[in-house]
Amino acid sequence: MLKNNFKYIPFLFVLLMMSCAKRGSITGGLKDTLAPVLSSSSPKNFNTNFKGDQIVLNFDEYVKLKNLNKQLVISPPMKHEPLITPTNVSKVLTIKIKDTLEPNTTYSFNFGQSITDNNEGNAMNQFKYIFSTGPYIDSLSIGGIVKDAYEKNVDNFVSVMLYEVNDKYKDSVVYKDLPRYITNTLDSLRTFKLENLKAGKYLLVAMKDKGSNNKFNPKDDKIGFIKHFITVPNDTLFELELFKETLPLKTLKPIQASGNRLFLPYEGKQNFKLSQPKIVLKNNDEILETIVTQFPKKDSLQVWYKPLKADSLQLEVTKENYNKKFTFKIKDQKKDTLNITAVQNGVINFRDRFTLETATPLVKFDKSKIKLINKDSLDLDFTTEYNELEQKLYVDFKKEPLEKYKFTFLPGALTDFYDNVNDTLSYKLTTKEYADYGNLVLNLKNVKRFPIIAEITNKKGDVVLASDYSEGNTKIQFDLLQPESFTLRITYDDNKNKIYDSGNFLNKTYAEEVFYYQKEIDVRTNWDVDETIDLSIPYNPEVDKKETDKKKKEEQKKKKAF
């Protein structure tokens, strides 16, 4: 019996060891939250009379570079970017300067958040290495904020630049030359500060520089500027509003899309609703009948023509001072055919216009072959409007709550450019109750001037859900809105053309002024919202974020309580 018990002793010993081991388990200590520290540099930071071409930075721990191409800002910019090594983990970074440095100039290397420790990724915040090729470090500075002229929120990584105004200065400097000084808002700031400046007269510019070459390309970049030159020193808090210029029309060579349609690509955002170019299509000396429409969501027009036999065609585009001629070959291709699609299917909201989209442009409408009845089979009156540019047919009629409607388009009701007619089309629509929607009244205070464009959009501000144009009325009403959280945008329409107009750098014109309301406006089912809007309080994204966070917390509390 005793002998058998001895065989369990090793197991008891192992269990005892495991129990003891649990008492002192290793946790690894506290998490490292400290950023690296520059322990030394050669030459020293803020060195004067700099003559060399190499800088060595020594850190107190192993570091690595993260997003250096985005985060590093060198002011003044260098034509040839310096080589910074190594790209892997090290306690030492070496900057090899490849450019010829200007005399008596203060240079700043702002690394942003790009230098982090190796283990936890703790970043050195806005670490700067500064030196001067002259006997002293320039110490003047200016600051301000960057906004977007039209969008609710401004882009990240916006460059803010100073161009020196001297006897060689020309407005073309922003297109051709590097700025004298530069900083960047990076990925988290709306504010900017240009430091280590020399006293003088400057042009102040902000730029969303997509090409990352510190030069303005109107095709891709946004720009903001102060019209008048500024002087340094200056304690003004500057405000720069970014906008995308509306470029002059520039058309590219036509592309054959089908046997009866061409694509005409163009550059530059254009508003063809206000003014369309004159387009003439020829087969030798014969002018062909055409219709011009917009290709949806693309910078391209569609030129529709009747099928013909030809090897090549000629196209001429004219608009104001612009004139361009093209000659291009065509092939025998499949022709486009009439195809009609209803935008609304089933439920139609009270603010909606019943809309048909057509694959080919329409030219004739026979109202006698279009019939609208309700659920009691009573004939109802309606009106039609055709938008040729967008190829959309709008049918308007008075809608009643909890009603059913049926549209019937008999054969020949619609005729397209190629004399094709529709087959019988039938669409059934229903409406909801008034109580399923909400109403919104805006009481505007401190309107600077009229006319104004009032728009309610989605939260981001990129989709307009309803709009109104006011030439003096400060009370604006939007009835029967679908329940949603809205953003309010007010545009001061100074040229009275009923659209937002951008600015232009060479003409020294700013974009039209746009106001965003600080808070989102909640419109709920069967609610009447009466909101007072003070247009003297500018939009502040920090306030907007606080309001959004507050709403989220309140909603979370309600869910928990429920």
Protein backbone atom coordinates (compact mmCIF):
# COMPACT_ATOMS: atom_id res chain seq x y z
CA MET A 1 0.00 0.00 0.00
CA LEU A 2 2.83 2.40 0.96
CA LYS A 3 4.75 1.48 -2.16
CA ASN A 4 1.80 2.41 -4.34
CA ASN A 5 1.46 5.80 -2.68
CA PHE A 6 5.06 6.73 -3.56
CA LYS A 7 4.18 6.90 -7.27
CA TYR A 8 1.94 9.97 -6.63
CA ILE A 9 4.71 12.01 -4.99
CA PRO A 10 6.14 13.42 -8.33
CA PHE A 11 2.67 14.64 -9.34
CA LEU A 12 2.21 16.38 -5.98
CA PHE A 13 5.60 18.02 -6.42
CA VAL A 14 4.64 19.40 -9.89
CA LEU A 15 1.33 20.77 -8.58
CA LEU A 16 3.16 22.49 -5.72
CA MET A 17 5.60 24.12 -8.17
CA MET A 18 2.72 25.36 -10.39
CA SER A 19 0.94 26.83 -7.37
CA CYS A 20 4.09 28.66 -6.33
CA ALA A 21 4.66 29.92 -9.88
CA LYS A 22 1.27 31.60 -10.02
CA ARG A 23 2.18 33.91 -7.15
CA GLY A 24 4.91 35.72 -9.08
CA SER A 25 3.73 35.83 -12.74
CA ILE A 26 5.64 38.30 -14.96
CA THR A 27 3.53 41.21 -16.31
CA GLY A 28 6.19 43.05 -18.32
CA GLY A 29 5.92 46.34 -16.41
CA LEU A 30 4.21 49.59 -17.34
CA LYS A 31 3.60 50.47 -20.98
CA ASP A 32 6.09 52.93 -22.45
CA THR A 33 4.27 56.19 -23.26
CA LEU A 34 7.30 58.49 -23.54
CA ALA A 35 8.41 59.90 -26.87
CA PRO A 36 12.06 59.71 -27.95
CA VAL A 37 14.38 62.55 -26.88
CA LEU A 38 17.11 64.19 -28.94
CA SER A 39 20.22 63.60 -26.83
CA SER A 40 22.66 65.46 -29.09
CA SER A 41 23.17 66.72 -32.62
CA SER A 42 26.02 67.77 -34.84
CA PRO A 43 25.96 70.68 -35.51
CA LYS A 44 23.87 71.67 -32.47
CA ASN A 45 20.24 72.62 -32.92
CA PHE A 46 19.79 76.39 -33.55
CA ASN A 47 23.32 76.57 -34.90
CA THR A 48 24.39 79.77 -36.77
CA ASN A 49 26.88 80.31 -39.60
CA PHE A 50 26.12 76.82 -40.89
CA LYS A 51 28.62 75.84 -43.61
CA GLY A 52 28.34 72.06 -43.99
CA ASP A 53 26.08 69.69 -45.89
CA GLN A 54 25.41 67.06 -43.23
CA ILE A 55 23.47 66.95 -39.94
CA VAL A 56 23.58 64.08 -37.43
CA LEU A 57 20.77 63.61 -34.89
CA ASN A 58 21.32 61.29 -31.90
CA PHE A 59 18.36 59.97 -29.85
CA ASP A 60 18.09 58.35 -26.43
CA GLU A 61 16.44 55.21 -27.86
CA TYR A 62 15.91 53.38 -31.12
CA VAL A 63 13.67 55.34 -33.49
CA LYS A 64 12.04 54.80 -36.88
CA LEU A 65 10.61 57.14 -39.51
CA LYS A 66 6.88 57.06 -40.28
CA ASN A 67 5.21 58.89 -43.21
CA LEU A 68 8.26 61.12 -43.57
CA ASN A 69 7.26 62.23 -47.08
CA LYS A 70 3.99 63.66 -45.70
CA GLN A 71 5.11 64.85 -42.29
CA LEU A 72 8.46 66.53 -42.98
CA VAL A 73 8.22 70.24 -43.84
CA ILE A 74 11.41 72.10 -44.82
CA SER A 75 11.26 75.88 -44.81
CA PRO A 76 12.40 77.49 -47.04
CA PRO A 77 11.75 74.56 -49.42
CA MET A 78 14.75 73.03 -51.16
CA LYS A 79 14.84 72.31 -54.89
CA HIS A 80 16.59 69.01 -54.19
CA GLU A 81 15.23 67.13 -51.20
CA PRO A 82 17.82 66.06 -48.63
CA LEU A 83 18.60 62.38 -48.07
CA ILE A 84 17.60 61.22 -44.58
CA THR A 85 18.97 57.83 -43.45
CA PRO A 86 18.60 55.16 -42.28
CA THR A 87 15.04 54.21 -43.14
CA ASN A 88 15.17 51.28 -40.70
CA VAL A 89 15.49 51.31 -36.89
CA SER A 90 18.42 53.29 -35.47
CA LYS A 91 19.46 55.63 -32.65
CA VAL A 92 21.04 57.98 -35.22
CA LEU A 93 19.51 59.89 -38.15
CA THR A 94 21.70 61.55 -40.78
CA ILE A 95 20.50 64.40 -43.01
CA LYS A 96 22.53 64.82 -46.18
CA ILE A 97 21.80 68.20 -47.83
CA LYS A 98 21.93 68.08 -51.64
CA ASP A 99 20.93 71.70 -52.29
CA THR A 100 22.96 74.90 -52.34
CA LEU A 101 21.90 76.82 -49.24
CA GLU A 102 21.05 80.52 -49.48
CA PRO A 103 23.21 82.96 -47.51
CA ASN A 104 21.89 84.61 -44.31
CA THR A 105 18.85 82.35 -44.23
CA THR A 106 17.22 80.47 -41.36
CA TYR A 107 16.23 76.89 -42.27
CA SER A 108 13.72 74.79 -40.36
CA PHE A 109 13.23 71.01 -40.58
CA ASN A 110 9.84 70.24 -38.99
CA PHE A 111 9.49 66.47 -38.69
CA GLY A 112 5.85 66.65 -37.55
CA GLN A 113 4.93 63.23 -36.09
CA SER A 114 7.33 61.23 -38.27
CA ILE A 115 9.96 60.27 -35.64
CA THR A 116 8.62 57.53 -33.35
CA ASP A 117 10.16 55.06 -30.92
CA ASN A 118 10.60 51.54 -32.23
CA ASN A 119 8.50 49.59 -29.72
CA GLU A 120 5.35 51.56 -28.91
CA GLY A 121 5.29 54.08 -31.78
CA ASN A 122 5.35 57.12 -29.46
CA ALA A 123 5.94 60.13 -31.70
CA MET A 124 8.06 63.22 -31.12
CA ASN A 125 5.48 66.00 -31.52
CA GLN A 126 6.48 68.69 -34.05
CA PHE A 127 10.21 68.14 -33.55
CA LYS A 128 12.21 70.85 -35.32
CA TYR A 129 15.85 71.13 -36.25
CA ILE A 130 16.76 74.75 -37.03
CA PHE A 131 19.94 76.38 -38.27
CA SER A 132 21.01 79.58 -40.00
CA THR A 133 23.57 80.19 -42.70
CA GLY A 134 23.96 83.69 -41.26
CA PRO A 135 25.03 85.09 -37.87
CA TYR A 136 21.57 84.82 -36.21
CA ILE A 137 18.32 82.83 -36.20
CA ASP A 138 15.32 84.69 -37.61
CA SER A 139 12.63 84.68 -34.92
CA LEU A 140 9.53 86.44 -36.32
CA SER A 141 6.27 84.54 -36.86
CA ILE A 142 2.67 84.85 -38.08
CA GLY A 143 -0.35 82.58 -37.57
CA GLY A 144 -3.96 81.99 -38.48
CA ILE A 145 -6.54 79.40 -39.49
CA VAL A 146 -7.38 77.58 -42.72
CA LYS A 147 -10.98 76.99 -43.83
CA ASP A 148 -12.67 75.63 -46.91
CA ALA A 149 -14.67 78.22 -48.84
CA TYR A 150 -17.47 75.75 -49.68
CA GLU A 151 -17.01 72.43 -47.90
CA LYS A 152 -18.00 71.97 -44.27
CA ASN A 153 -14.55 70.75 -43.22
CA VAL A 154 -11.11 71.63 -44.51
CA ASP A 155 -8.68 69.11 -46.01
CA ASN A 156 -5.75 67.67 -44.08
CA PHE A 157 -2.16 68.47 -45.06
CA VAL A 158 -2.71 72.01 -46.30
CA SER A 159 0.46 73.97 -47.10
CA VAL A 160 0.66 77.60 -45.99
CA MET A 161 3.26 79.67 -47.84
CA LEU A 162 4.91 83.07 -47.91
CA TYR A 163 6.32 84.49 -51.15
CA GLU A 164 8.74 87.39 -50.84
CA VAL A 165 7.54 90.57 -52.55
CA ASN A 166 10.54 92.31 -54.13
CA ASP A 167 11.47 93.89 -57.46
CA LYS A 168 11.33 90.45 -59.13
CA TYR A 169 7.86 89.54 -57.81
CA LYS A 170 5.12 88.51 -60.27
CA ASP A 171 1.73 86.87 -59.66
CA SER A 172 2.97 83.86 -61.61
CA VAL A 173 5.28 83.05 -58.69
CA VAL A 174 2.74 80.59 -57.24
CA TYR A 175 2.79 78.59 -60.50
CA LYS A 176 6.52 78.61 -61.18
CA ASP A 177 8.64 79.24 -58.07
CA LEU A 178 9.07 77.80 -54.60
CA PRO A 179 7.82 79.89 -51.67
CA ARG A 180 10.25 81.67 -49.35
CA TYR A 181 8.68 80.05 -46.27
CA ILE A 182 6.31 77.13 -45.82
CA THR A 183 4.45 75.22 -43.11
CA ASN A 184 1.75 72.56 -43.13
CA THR A 185 -1.39 71.88 -41.11
CA LEU A 186 -0.57 68.14 -41.27
CA ASP A 187 -3.39 65.71 -40.44
CA SER A 188 -5.01 67.18 -37.35
CA LEU A 189 -4.90 70.98 -37.31
CA ARG A 190 -6.89 73.87 -38.81
CA THR A 191 -4.46 76.41 -37.39
CA PHE A 192 -1.05 77.29 -38.78
CA LYS A 193 2.06 79.09 -37.59
CA LEU A 194 4.90 80.22 -39.83
CA GLU A 195 8.02 80.69 -37.70
CA ASN A 196 11.64 81.78 -38.05
CA LEU A 197 10.69 84.51 -40.52
CA LYS A 198 12.67 87.52 -41.66
CA ALA A 199 11.03 90.97 -41.64
CA GLY A 200 9.64 91.99 -45.02
CA LYS A 201 6.66 92.14 -47.39
CA TYR A 202 5.03 88.87 -48.48
CA LEU A 203 2.16 87.22 -50.34
CA LEU A 204 0.34 84.79 -48.01
CA VAL A 205 -1.13 81.68 -49.69
CA ALA A 206 -2.68 78.38 -48.56
CA MET A 207 -2.68 75.42 -50.92
CA LYS A 208 -3.98 71.86 -50.96
CA ASP A 209 -1.00 70.73 -52.99
CA LYS A 210 -1.95 67.38 -54.53
CA GLY A 211 1.25 67.22 -56.56
CA SER A 212 3.41 67.84 -53.45
CA ASN A 213 5.69 70.12 -55.49
CA ASN A 214 4.93 73.45 -53.71
CA LYS A 215 3.56 74.91 -56.96
CA PHE A 216 -0.04 75.78 -57.83
CA ASN A 217 -1.72 73.57 -60.42
CA PRO A 218 -5.30 74.92 -60.85
CA LYS A 219 -6.43 71.66 -62.44
CA ASP A 220 -5.82 69.67 -59.23
CA ASP A 221 -5.10 72.04 -56.35
CA LYS A 222 -7.20 74.24 -54.08
CA ILE A 223 -5.87 77.68 -53.21
CA GLY A 224 -6.61 80.42 -50.68
CA PHE A 225 -4.89 83.79 -50.35
CA ILE A 226 -4.93 87.26 -48.81
CA LYS A 227 -5.54 89.85 -51.56
CA HIS A 228 -3.22 92.48 -50.15
CA PHE A 229 0.43 91.88 -49.37
CA ILE A 230 1.23 91.42 -45.70
CA THR A 231 4.19 92.68 -43.71
CA VAL A 232 6.20 90.80 -41.11
CA PRO A 233 6.23 91.39 -38.14
CA ASN A 234 2.45 91.21 -37.89
CA ASP A 235 0.18 90.17 -35.01
CA THR A 236 -2.95 89.69 -37.18
CA LEU A 237 -4.64 86.28 -37.01
CA PHE A 238 -5.04 85.54 -40.72
CA GLU A 239 -7.92 83.50 -42.17
CA LEU A 240 -7.36 81.67 -45.45
CA GLU A 241 -10.24 80.05 -47.36
CA LEU A 242 -9.42 77.29 -49.83
CA PHE A 243 -11.34 76.99 -53.08
CA LYS A 244 -11.04 75.13 -56.36
CA GLU A 245 -10.92 77.50 -59.32
CA THR A 246 -13.43 77.09 -62.14
CA LEU A 247 -11.13 76.65 -65.11
CA PRO A 248 -11.79 77.90 -68.64
CA LEU A 249 -13.26 75.29 -70.94
CA LYS A 250 -10.73 72.99 -72.55
CA THR A 251 -12.02 70.12 -74.69
CA LEU A 252 -10.13 66.98 -75.67
CA LYS A 253 -10.37 64.86 -78.80
CA PRO A 254 -13.83 63.25 -79.26
CA ILE A 255 -14.20 59.51 -78.65
CA GLN A 256 -16.75 57.41 -80.50
CA ALA A 257 -19.06 55.82 -77.89
CA SER A 258 -21.49 54.08 -80.27
CA GLY A 259 -22.81 54.24 -83.80
CA ASN A 260 -24.73 57.44 -83.01
CA ARG A 261 -22.92 59.05 -80.10
CA LEU A 262 -19.60 60.71 -79.27
CA PHE A 263 -17.93 61.47 -75.97
CA LEU A 264 -16.40 64.95 -75.79
CA PRO A 265 -14.10 65.00 -72.73
CA TYR A 266 -13.27 68.34 -71.14
CA GLU A 267 -11.05 69.68 -68.38
CA GLY A 268 -12.09 72.01 -65.62
CA LYS A 269 -15.31 72.01 -63.64
CA GLN A 270 -17.99 73.54 -65.84
CA ASN A 271 -21.56 74.64 -65.19
CA PHE A 272 -23.32 73.92 -68.47
CA LYS A 273 -26.71 74.64 -66.86
CA LEU A 274 -25.86 78.34 -67.13
CA SER A 275 -23.96 78.39 -70.40
CA GLN A 276 -23.25 75.64 -72.89
CA PRO A 277 -20.62 75.71 -75.64
CA LYS A 278 -21.72 75.77 -79.26
CA ILE A 279 -20.88 72.41 -80.83
CA VAL A 280 -21.01 71.91 -84.60
CA LEU A 281 -20.55 68.44 -86.09
CA LYS A 282 -19.79 68.14 -89.81
CA ASN A 283 -19.46 65.47 -92.43
CA ASN A 284 -17.23 67.37 -94.85
CA ASP A 285 -19.31 70.51 -95.60
CA GLU A 286 -22.61 69.08 -94.32
CA ILE A 287 -23.66 70.26 -90.83
CA LEU A 288 -25.20 67.33 -88.96
CA GLU A 289 -28.17 67.61 -86.63
CA THR A 290 -27.04 66.98 -83.04
CA ILE A 291 -28.16 67.05 -79.41
CA VAL A 292 -25.61 67.65 -76.62
CA THR A 293 -26.10 66.16 -73.15
CA GLN A 294 -24.00 65.66 -70.03
CA PHE A 295 -22.44 62.25 -69.40
CA PRO A 296 -23.50 61.45 -65.81
CA LYS A 297 -20.83 61.99 -63.13
CA LYS A 298 -18.04 62.42 -65.70
CA ASP A 299 -16.22 65.41 -67.18
CA SER A 300 -17.54 64.63 -70.60
CA LEU A 301 -20.36 65.75 -72.90
CA GLN A 302 -22.29 63.40 -75.17
CA VAL A 303 -22.83 64.48 -78.77
CA TRP A 304 -25.76 62.58 -80.32
CA TYR A 305 -26.04 62.41 -84.12
CA LYS A 306 -28.10 60.48 -86.66
CA PRO A 307 -26.36 57.33 -87.98
CA LEU A 308 -24.56 57.86 -91.27
CA LYS A 309 -21.92 56.34 -93.51
CA ALA A 310 -18.64 58.21 -93.25
CA ASP A 311 -14.97 57.53 -92.61
CA SER A 312 -14.38 60.65 -90.52
CA LEU A 313 -16.19 63.64 -89.01
CA GLN A 314 -15.21 67.16 -87.99
CA LEU A 315 -16.27 68.81 -84.73
CA GLU A 316 -15.89 72.46 -83.69
CA VAL A 317 -16.36 73.75 -80.12
CA THR A 318 -16.91 77.47 -79.47
CA LYS A 319 -17.52 79.27 -76.19
CA GLU A 320 -16.70 82.95 -75.66
CA ASN A 321 -13.00 83.27 -76.64
CA TYR A 322 -12.47 79.52 -76.85
CA ASN A 323 -12.44 77.71 -80.22
CA LYS A 324 -11.23 74.21 -80.95
CA LYS A 325 -11.54 72.02 -84.07
CA PHE A 326 -11.15 68.25 -84.29
CA THR A 327 -11.08 65.74 -87.13
CA PHE A 328 -11.49 62.09 -86.16
CA LYS A 329 -12.29 58.74 -87.71
CA ILE A 330 -15.48 56.81 -86.97
CA LYS A 331 -16.42 53.15 -87.31
CA ASP A 332 -19.66 51.30 -87.83
CA GLN A 333 -20.74 50.44 -84.27
CA LYS A 334 -23.86 49.31 -82.44
CA LYS A 335 -26.46 52.10 -82.08
CA ASP A 336 -28.00 53.27 -78.82
CA THR A 337 -31.68 52.48 -78.36
CA LEU A 338 -34.49 54.06 -76.35
CA ASN A 339 -34.57 52.80 -72.78
CA ILE A 340 -36.62 54.45 -70.03
CA THR A 341 -36.12 54.05 -66.27
CA ALA A 342 -38.22 55.45 -63.42
CA VAL A 343 -36.21 57.01 -60.57
CA GLN A 344 -39.02 56.42 -58.04
CA ASN A 345 -40.44 52.95 -57.62
CA GLY A 346 -43.23 52.28 -55.15
CA VAL A 347 -43.26 55.03 -52.50
CA ILE A 348 -42.94 58.62 -53.72
CA ASN A 349 -42.27 61.36 -51.17
CA PHE A 350 -44.24 64.60 -51.21
CA ARG A 351 -41.18 66.68 -52.13
CA ASP A 352 -40.15 64.34 -54.97
CA ARG A 353 -40.78 64.96 -58.63
CA PHE A 354 -41.69 61.78 -60.49
CA THR A 355 -38.70 61.34 -62.80
CA LEU A 356 -37.96 59.26 -65.87
CA GLU A 357 -34.40 58.89 -67.12
CA THR A 358 -33.82 58.06 -70.77
CA ALA A 359 -30.87 56.33 -72.42
CA THR A 360 -31.32 58.47 -75.55
CA PRO A 361 -32.48 62.11 -75.64
CA LEU A 362 -36.19 62.78 -76.08
CA VAL A 363 -37.59 65.31 -78.57
CA LYS A 364 -41.40 64.85 -78.51
CA PHE A 365 -44.00 64.41 -75.76
CA ASP A 366 -47.64 63.59 -76.45
CA LYS A 367 -49.51 64.44 -73.25
CA SER A 368 -52.71 62.93 -74.64
CA LYS A 369 -51.01 59.51 -74.44
CA ILE A 370 -49.96 59.92 -70.81
CA LYS A 371 -52.54 59.07 -68.17
CA LEU A 372 -52.46 59.53 -64.39
CA ILE A 373 -55.19 58.05 -62.17
CA ASN A 374 -55.60 57.62 -58.42
CA LYS A 375 -56.93 54.59 -56.49
CA ASP A 376 -60.50 55.63 -57.35
CA SER A 377 -59.59 55.59 -61.05
CA LEU A 378 -60.12 59.34 -61.33
CA ASP A 379 -58.07 61.14 -63.98
CA LEU A 380 -55.62 63.65 -62.48
CA ASP A 381 -53.92 66.64 -64.03
CA PHE A 382 -50.13 66.86 -64.31
CA THR A 383 -47.38 68.89 -65.96
CA THR A 384 -44.16 67.79 -67.61
CA GLU A 385 -40.70 69.33 -67.84
CA TYR A 386 -37.79 67.89 -69.79
CA ASN A 387 -34.15 68.56 -68.86
CA GLU A 388 -32.31 67.88 -72.11
CA LEU A 389 -28.83 68.28 -70.62
CA GLU A 390 -29.49 65.58 -68.01
CA GLN A 391 -31.94 63.53 -70.13
CA LYS A 392 -34.59 63.57 -67.42
CA LEU A 393 -38.36 63.95 -67.78
CA TYR A 394 -40.08 65.40 -64.69
CA VAL A 395 -43.80 64.84 -64.15
CA ASP A 396 -45.38 67.02 -61.45
CA PHE A 397 -48.78 66.48 -59.85
CA LYS A 398 -50.55 67.19 -56.57
CA LYS A 399 -49.96 64.38 -54.08
CA GLU A 400 -52.43 63.43 -51.36
CA PRO A 401 -51.63 61.36 -48.25
CA LEU A 402 -52.22 57.59 -48.26
CA GLU A 403 -53.05 57.66 -51.95
CA LYS A 404 -52.22 55.31 -54.79
CA TYR A 405 -51.34 56.54 -58.27
CA LYS A 406 -50.82 54.87 -61.61
CA PHE A 407 -49.00 56.39 -64.57
CA THR A 408 -49.58 54.90 -68.01
CA PHE A 409 -47.48 55.99 -70.99
CA LEU A 410 -49.16 54.63 -74.12
CA PRO A 411 -47.11 53.83 -77.24
CA GLY A 412 -45.93 57.06 -78.87
CA ALA A 413 -46.17 59.16 -75.71
CA LEU A 414 -42.39 59.68 -75.83
CA THR A 415 -40.26 59.98 -78.98
CA ASP A 416 -36.49 60.13 -78.96
CA PHE A 417 -34.00 61.83 -81.28
CA TYR A 418 -33.97 58.77 -83.57
CA ASP A 419 -37.78 58.61 -83.93
CA ASN A 420 -37.99 55.61 -81.60
CA VAL A 421 -41.16 55.56 -79.45
CA ASN A 422 -41.92 53.90 -76.17
CA ASP A 423 -43.92 50.72 -75.68
CA THR A 424 -46.68 50.84 -73.07
CA LEU A 425 -45.15 51.84 -69.74
CA SER A 426 -46.88 51.56 -66.39
CA TYR A 427 -45.71 52.83 -63.00
CA LYS A 428 -47.48 52.47 -59.65
CA LEU A 429 -46.76 54.94 -56.85
CA THR A 430 -48.00 55.32 -53.28
CA THR A 431 -47.75 58.11 -50.70
CA LYS A 432 -47.43 58.01 -46.92
CA GLU A 433 -49.19 60.07 -44.27
CA TYR A 434 -48.20 63.67 -43.55
CA ALA A 435 -47.36 62.49 -40.03
CA ASP A 436 -44.54 60.33 -41.46
CA TYR A 437 -42.61 63.50 -42.27
CA GLY A 438 -41.36 66.55 -40.39
CA ASN A 439 -41.46 70.30 -41.03
CA LEU A 440 -38.61 72.76 -40.59
CA VAL A 441 -38.79 76.54 -40.17
CA LEU A 442 -35.54 78.55 -40.25
CA ASN A 443 -35.52 82.02 -38.70
CA LEU A 444 -32.37 83.73 -39.94
CA LYS A 445 -30.69 86.45 -37.86
CA ASN A 446 -27.89 88.83 -38.90
CA VAL A 447 -28.06 88.07 -42.62
CA LYS A 448 -25.30 90.25 -44.10
CA ARG A 449 -26.92 90.78 -47.50
CA PHE A 450 -29.30 89.29 -50.06
CA PRO A 451 -29.91 87.24 -52.12
CA ILE A 452 -28.98 84.01 -50.36
CA ILE A 453 -29.19 80.31 -51.23
CA ALA A 454 -30.42 78.24 -48.27
CA GLU A 455 -29.68 74.53 -48.52
CA ILE A 456 -30.21 71.63 -46.17
CA THR A 457 -27.82 68.79 -46.86
CA ASN A 458 -26.81 65.46 -45.42
CA LYS A 459 -24.40 65.43 -42.46
CA LYS A 460 -21.28 65.71 -44.62
CA GLY A 461 -22.70 68.53 -46.70
CA ASP A 462 -22.10 66.80 -50.04
CA VAL A 463 -25.73 66.00 -50.98
CA VAL A 464 -28.36 68.75 -51.21
CA LEU A 465 -31.73 67.48 -49.97
CA ALA A 466 -33.76 70.71 -50.24
CA SER A 467 -33.05 74.32 -51.15
CA ASP A 468 -34.67 77.75 -51.27
CA TYR A 469 -33.67 81.11 -52.75
CA SER A 470 -34.37 84.25 -50.74
CA GLU A 471 -34.10 87.82 -51.97
CA GLY A 472 -35.10 89.32 -48.61
CA ASN A 473 -37.15 86.86 -46.60
CA THR A 474 -35.48 85.74 -43.34
CA LYS A 475 -38.06 83.05 -42.60
CA ILE A 476 -37.52 79.95 -44.73
CA GLN A 477 -39.77 76.91 -44.53
CA PHE A 478 -39.12 73.34 -45.62
CA ASP A 479 -42.24 71.18 -45.26
CA LEU A 480 -42.66 67.42 -45.44
CA LEU A 481 -39.02 66.47 -45.04
CA GLN A 482 -37.98 62.87 -44.59
CA PRO A 483 -36.81 62.42 -40.97
CA GLU A 484 -33.06 62.95 -40.80
CA SER A 485 -30.26 65.00 -39.27
CA PHE A 486 -29.52 67.91 -41.58
CA THR A 487 -26.68 70.34 -42.13
CA LEU A 488 -27.62 73.93 -43.03
CA ARG A 489 -25.58 75.84 -45.63
CA ILE A 490 -26.20 79.47 -46.58
CA THR A 491 -24.49 80.95 -49.66
CA TYR A 492 -24.37 84.71 -50.26
CA ASP A 493 -25.17 84.84 -53.98
CA ASP A 494 -23.42 88.14 -54.74
CA ASN A 495 -23.67 87.88 -58.53
CA LYS A 496 -27.32 86.72 -58.35
CA ASN A 497 -26.93 83.72 -60.65
CA LYS A 498 -28.46 81.29 -58.11
CA ILE A 499 -25.38 79.08 -57.81
CA TYR A 500 -22.19 79.11 -55.71
CA ASP A 501 -19.25 80.74 -57.52
CA SER A 502 -15.64 79.99 -56.76
CA GLY A 503 -12.76 82.48 -56.73
CA ASN A 504 -9.75 83.12 -58.94
CA PHE A 505 -6.17 83.79 -57.90
CA LEU A 506 -5.02 85.89 -60.88
CA ASN A 507 -8.20 88.00 -60.80
CA LYS A 508 -7.79 88.38 -57.01
CA THR A 509 -11.40 87.37 -56.38
CA TYR A 510 -12.52 85.33 -53.40
CA ALA A 511 -15.14 82.60 -53.56
CA GLU A 512 -18.68 83.60 -52.61
CA GLU A 513 -19.17 83.55 -48.84
CA VAL A 514 -20.67 80.38 -47.37
CA PHE A 515 -22.05 79.89 -43.87
CA TYR A 516 -22.52 76.54 -42.10
CA TYR A 517 -24.68 76.25 -38.99
CA GLN A 518 -22.78 74.94 -35.96
CA LYS A 519 -25.22 72.16 -35.07
CA GLU A 520 -26.96 69.42 -36.99
CA ILE A 521 -30.72 69.98 -37.20
CA ASP A 522 -32.81 66.96 -36.27
CA VAL A 523 -36.15 66.64 -38.07
CA ARG A 524 -38.19 63.70 -36.84
CA THR A 525 -41.45 62.02 -37.74
CA ASN A 526 -44.50 64.22 -37.07
CA TRP A 527 -42.31 67.05 -35.71
CA ASP A 528 -42.38 70.78 -36.38
CA VAL A 529 -38.90 72.21 -35.83
CA ASP A 530 -38.53 75.97 -35.42
CA GLU A 531 -34.84 76.89 -35.45
CA THR A 532 -33.28 80.33 -35.01
CA ILE A 533 -30.00 80.66 -36.94
CA ASP A 534 -27.50 83.43 -36.14
CA LEU A 535 -25.39 83.95 -39.26
CA SER A 536 -22.88 86.07 -37.33
CA ILE A 537 -21.51 82.96 -35.55
CA PRO A 538 -19.01 81.23 -37.86
CA TYR A 539 -18.82 77.46 -38.14
CA ASN A 540 -16.32 75.88 -35.78
CA PRO A 541 -15.55 72.16 -36.24
CA GLU A 542 -14.52 71.84 -32.58
CA VAL A 543 -17.99 72.99 -31.49
CA ASP A 544 -19.57 70.69 -34.06
CA LYS A 545 -17.54 67.74 -32.72
CA LYS A 546 -18.58 68.50 -29.12
CA GLU A 547 -22.24 68.64 -30.16
CA THR A 548 -21.90 65.34 -32.04
CA ASP A 549 -20.18 63.66 -29.08
CA LYS A 550 -22.89 65.00 -26.75
CA LYS A 551 -25.61 63.54 -28.98
CA LYS A 552 -23.89 60.14 -29.07
CA LYS A 553 -23.67 60.04 -25.26
CA GLU A 554 -27.35 60.97 -24.92
CA GLU A 555 -28.34 58.25 -27.39
CA GLN A 556 -26.21 55.70 -25.52
CA LYS A 557 -27.91 56.68 -22.22
CA LYS A 558 -31.35 56.24 -23.81
CA LYS A 559 -30.40 52.79 -25.11
CA LYS A 560 -29.12 51.73 -21.68
CA ALA A 561 -32.25 53.09 -19.98
CA PHE A 562 -34.43 51.23 -22.46
